[in-house]
C-alpha atoms as a PDB file:
ATOM      1  CA  MET A   1     -92.252  90.672  82.876  1.00  0.00           C
ATOM      2  CA  LYS A   2     -91.067  91.834  85.975  1.00  0.00           C
ATOM      3  CA  ALA A   3     -91.028  95.544  87.159  1.00  0.00           C
ATOM      4  CA  TYR A   4     -88.421  97.445  87.758  1.00  0.00           C
ATOM      5  CA  TYR A   5     -88.152 101.067  88.959  1.00  0.00           C
ATOM      6  CA  ASN A   6     -86.558 103.673  86.057  1.00  0.00           C
ATOM      7  CA  HIS A   7     -86.226 106.959  88.152  1.00  0.00           C
ATOM      8  CA  THR A   8     -89.404 108.453  87.569  1.00  0.00           C
ATOM      9  CA  LYS A   9     -91.903 105.711  86.208  1.00  0.00           C
ATOM     10  CA  MET A  10     -92.305 102.053  86.544  1.00  0.00           C
ATOM     11  CA  GLU A  11     -91.325 100.098  83.062  1.00  0.00           C
ATOM     12  CA  ASN A  12     -91.725  96.137  82.383  1.00  0.00           C
ATOM     13  CA  PHE A  13     -88.332  94.986  80.938  1.00  0.00           C
ATOM     14  CA  LYS A  14     -85.888  91.615  81.397  1.00  0.00           C
ATOM     15  CA  ILE A  15     -82.301  91.835  81.116  1.00  0.00           C
ATOM     16  CA  PHE A  16     -80.311  88.365  81.190  1.00  0.00           C
ATOM     17  CA  ASP A  17     -76.743  87.804  81.209  1.00  0.00           C
ATOM     18  CA  ASN A  18     -74.820  84.773  79.850  1.00  0.00           C
ATOM     19  CA  CYS A  19     -71.858  85.142  81.972  1.00  0.00           C
ATOM     20  CA  GLY A  20     -69.328  86.638  79.208  1.00  0.00           C
ATOM     21  CA  ARG A  21     -70.323  83.715  76.743  1.00  0.00           C
ATOM     22  CA  THR A  22     -70.649  86.275  73.830  1.00  0.00           C
ATOM     23  CA  ILE A  23     -69.230  89.715  73.132  1.00  0.00           C
ATOM     24  CA  ASP A  24     -73.099  90.533  74.063  1.00  0.00           C
ATOM     25  CA  ARG A  25     -72.979  89.405  77.501  1.00  0.00           C
ATOM     26  CA  TYR A  26     -75.860  91.245  78.589  1.00  0.00           C
ATOM     27  CA  THR A  27     -79.734  90.962  76.359  1.00  0.00           C
ATOM     28  CA  LEU A  28     -82.392  93.772  77.163  1.00  0.00           C
ATOM     29  CA  ILE A  29     -85.912  93.081  76.408  1.00  0.00           C
ATOM     30  CA  THR A  30     -87.898  96.061  76.561  1.00  0.00           C
ATOM     31  CA  ASP A  31     -91.999  96.008  77.041  1.00  0.00           C
ATOM     32  CA  ASP A  32     -92.944  96.216  73.344  1.00  0.00           C
ATOM     33  CA  GLY A  33     -90.616  93.660  72.521  1.00  0.00           C
ATOM     34  CA  ASP A  34     -87.521  95.210  70.939  1.00  0.00           C
ATOM     35  CA  VAL A  35     -84.139  93.421  71.981  1.00  0.00           C
ATOM     36  CA  PHE A  36     -81.036  94.860  72.698  1.00  0.00           C
ATOM     37  CA  GLY A  37     -77.546  93.383  73.176  1.00  0.00           C
ATOM     38  CA  PHE A  38     -74.650  94.964  75.507  1.00  0.00           C
ATOM     39  CA  ASP A  39     -71.705  94.477  77.270  1.00  0.00           C
ATOM     40  CA  ASP A  40     -70.737  96.176  80.543  1.00  0.00           C
ATOM     41  CA  ASN A  41     -68.932  99.772  78.565  1.00  0.00           C
ATOM     42  CA  PRO A  42     -71.589  99.435  75.507  1.00  0.00           C
ATOM     43  CA  PHE A  43     -70.479 103.257  74.844  1.00  0.00           C
ATOM     44  CA  TYR A  44     -66.670 102.533  74.379  1.00  0.00           C
ATOM     45  CA  PRO A  45     -64.776 102.541  70.785  1.00  0.00           C
ATOM     46  CA  LEU A  46     -64.451  98.619  71.381  1.00  0.00           C
ATOM     47  CA  GLY A  47     -67.648  98.146  73.307  1.00  0.00           C
ATOM     48  CA  PHE A  48     -71.004  96.534  72.614  1.00  0.00           C
ATOM     49  CA  GLY A  49     -74.350  98.042  72.549  1.00  0.00           C
ATOM     50  CA  GLN A  50     -76.999  97.015  69.657  1.00  0.00           C
ATOM     51  CA  TYR A  51     -80.297  96.731  68.701  1.00  0.00           C
ATOM     52  CA  CYS A  52     -81.413  93.321  67.413  1.00  0.00           C
ATOM     53  CA  GLY A  53     -84.767  93.205  66.272  1.00  0.00           C
ATOM     54  CA  ASN A  54     -88.125  92.671  67.873  1.00  0.00           C
ATOM     55  CA  ILE A  55     -88.731  89.170  70.016  1.00  0.00           C
ATOM     56  CA  ASN A  56     -91.743  88.838  67.585  1.00  0.00           C
ATOM     57  CA  GLN A  57     -89.200  88.366  64.684  1.00  0.00           C
ATOM     58  CA  TRP A  58     -87.555  85.119  66.823  1.00  0.00           C
ATOM     59  CA  THR A  59     -88.059  81.985  66.115  1.00  0.00           C
ATOM     60  CA  SER A  60     -87.020  80.384  68.959  1.00  0.00           C
ATOM     61  CA  LYS A  61     -89.838  79.732  71.349  1.00  0.00           C
ATOM     62  CA  THR A  62     -87.413  79.825  74.457  1.00  0.00           C
ATOM     63  CA  LEU A  63     -85.164  82.601  76.215  1.00  0.00           C
ATOM     64  CA  ASP A  64     -82.757  80.208  77.965  1.00  0.00           C
ATOM     65  CA  HIS A  65     -80.088  80.617  75.559  1.00  0.00           C
ATOM     66  CA  LEU A  66     -79.757  84.279  76.799  1.00  0.00           C
ATOM     67  CA  GLY A  67     -78.462  83.174  80.041  1.00  0.00           C
ATOM     68  CA  LYS A  68     -80.026  83.706  83.638  1.00  0.00           C
ATOM     69  CA  PRO A  69     -82.612  86.456  84.112  1.00  0.00           C
ATOM     70  CA  ILE A  70     -80.823  89.721  86.383  1.00  0.00           C
ATOM     71  CA  THR A  71     -81.985  92.962  87.941  1.00  0.00           C
ATOM     72  CA  VAL A  72     -80.436  96.158  86.495  1.00  0.00           C
ATOM     73  CA  ASP A  73     -78.851  97.188  89.862  1.00  0.00           C
ATOM     74  CA  GLN A  74     -76.327  94.527  88.981  1.00  0.00           C
ATOM     75  CA  LEU A  75     -75.010  96.037  85.946  1.00  0.00           C
ATOM     76  CA  SER A  76     -71.917  98.560  85.548  1.00  0.00           C
ATOM     77  CA  GLU A  77     -72.902 102.083  85.475  1.00  0.00           C
ATOM     78  CA  GLN A  78     -72.315 102.315  81.911  1.00  0.00           C
ATOM     79  CA  ALA A  79     -74.655  99.176  81.366  1.00  0.00           C
ATOM     80  CA  LYS A  80     -77.220 100.847  83.102  1.00  0.00           C
ATOM     81  CA  THR A  81     -77.138 103.818  81.693  1.00  0.00           C
ATOM     82  CA  PHE A  82     -77.540 102.260  77.913  1.00  0.00           C
ATOM     83  CA  VAL A  83     -80.383 100.341  79.753  1.00  0.00           C
ATOM     84  CA  GLU A  84     -82.068 103.398  80.998  1.00  0.00           C
ATOM     85  CA  GLU A  85     -81.839 105.089  77.288  1.00  0.00           C
ATOM     86  CA  ARG A  86     -83.807 102.387  75.599  1.00  0.00           C
ATOM     87  CA  ILE A  87     -86.589 101.798  78.309  1.00  0.00           C
END
């Protein structure tokens, strides 16, 4: 996994963008394998931000279905906050 800066410490995580094909446009995979799906407004009543289990529970051997890897800088401010609260 690629390391990104998180204000006070380095954390390993990955973020994927499926370009809006689904409500959970973005997928966050933390360094311990927890997976979260979210959109640009995960804290709004009509937004989406949800824990999706641990990567070790998945049967898929590839991450291709999650979209392209992106950096945290490419997210909206709300989405950045969602990520920061989970890493």
